[in-house]
Amino acid sequence: MNVWTVVPLSRPGQLPWVIENWARQTTKSSLAIVETGAAVGVCHQAGITPDLLLSAAGRPGEVRNAALEALVGAYVAFQDDDDWYGPDYLAEHVELAARGRIVGKRVHWVDFLGDELLLFRPQAAGTRGGWVLAGTMGGYAEDFPRFSAVETGEERPLCAAAREVLSSSVHNFVYLRRPDFMSHTLPVNKAALEDLQGRAAERYPSGEWWRATASCALATSTGSAGIPDTRAARAP
């Protein structure tokens, strides 16, 4: 199985973080970096040579499409340059891989760099249909419908056009958001997220649905202990 990790890189300072996410994986893969915007040329400047280095202009979807076109025949697992990917993130992709299937995260943790984490959509784990986050998608390159120009990370048009979409587990992915929400490719509506937190707390008063310690959030799919707290492993 020819497996590639593909990372669109738009923030030059995130290059070390990208390499750490890739190197952390228990399942090894080739690395493709697609430089865009201010990050064009940063790999050369840093003396880092990924297995495939591309540059592309445009919105996030257009940048991902450039990688798909270059990797026909390979299994492609996307990562973003500003999130945390646990050690079995790629292993889960390989385990669930099938022709015509797009795998990704719909249920996931969000870390606002505070004391607790928010769990989104726990009921979606293991379900088929719907949509998954673009920065967690994996599939055979030729089975991907092309990414659109949407300005969210959910990529609903692509998922609607896919033959099959499978939402994987809650493990091995944390959506990191720094206090400067505008520093991310897709800015987060903080007010909307705070409203969601409030509604979740009302529905699940015990808080188990949406709050957990960082160590729980970063547990691997095999339940391994000792995964570092996000406060010790977060994007610069």
Foldseek 3Di string as FASTA:
>chain_A
DQEEEEEEDEDLQLVVVVVCQQVLAPDHHFYEYEYEHPNVPSCVVVVHDGPHYHYDYDAPLRSVLVVLVVQAPYKYWAAYSFWFFHHCLVVQCVVPADALEKEFAPWEWEDALDFKIFTPDQVQAFDKADWHFQRGIIYRSVQWDGQDRDLDRTRRVRRVPTPIYTHHHHEGIYHYAYPPQVVDSRRDDVVVVVVVVVVVCVVPVVCPNTIDGQQVSHQHPVRDGDDDRVNVPGGD
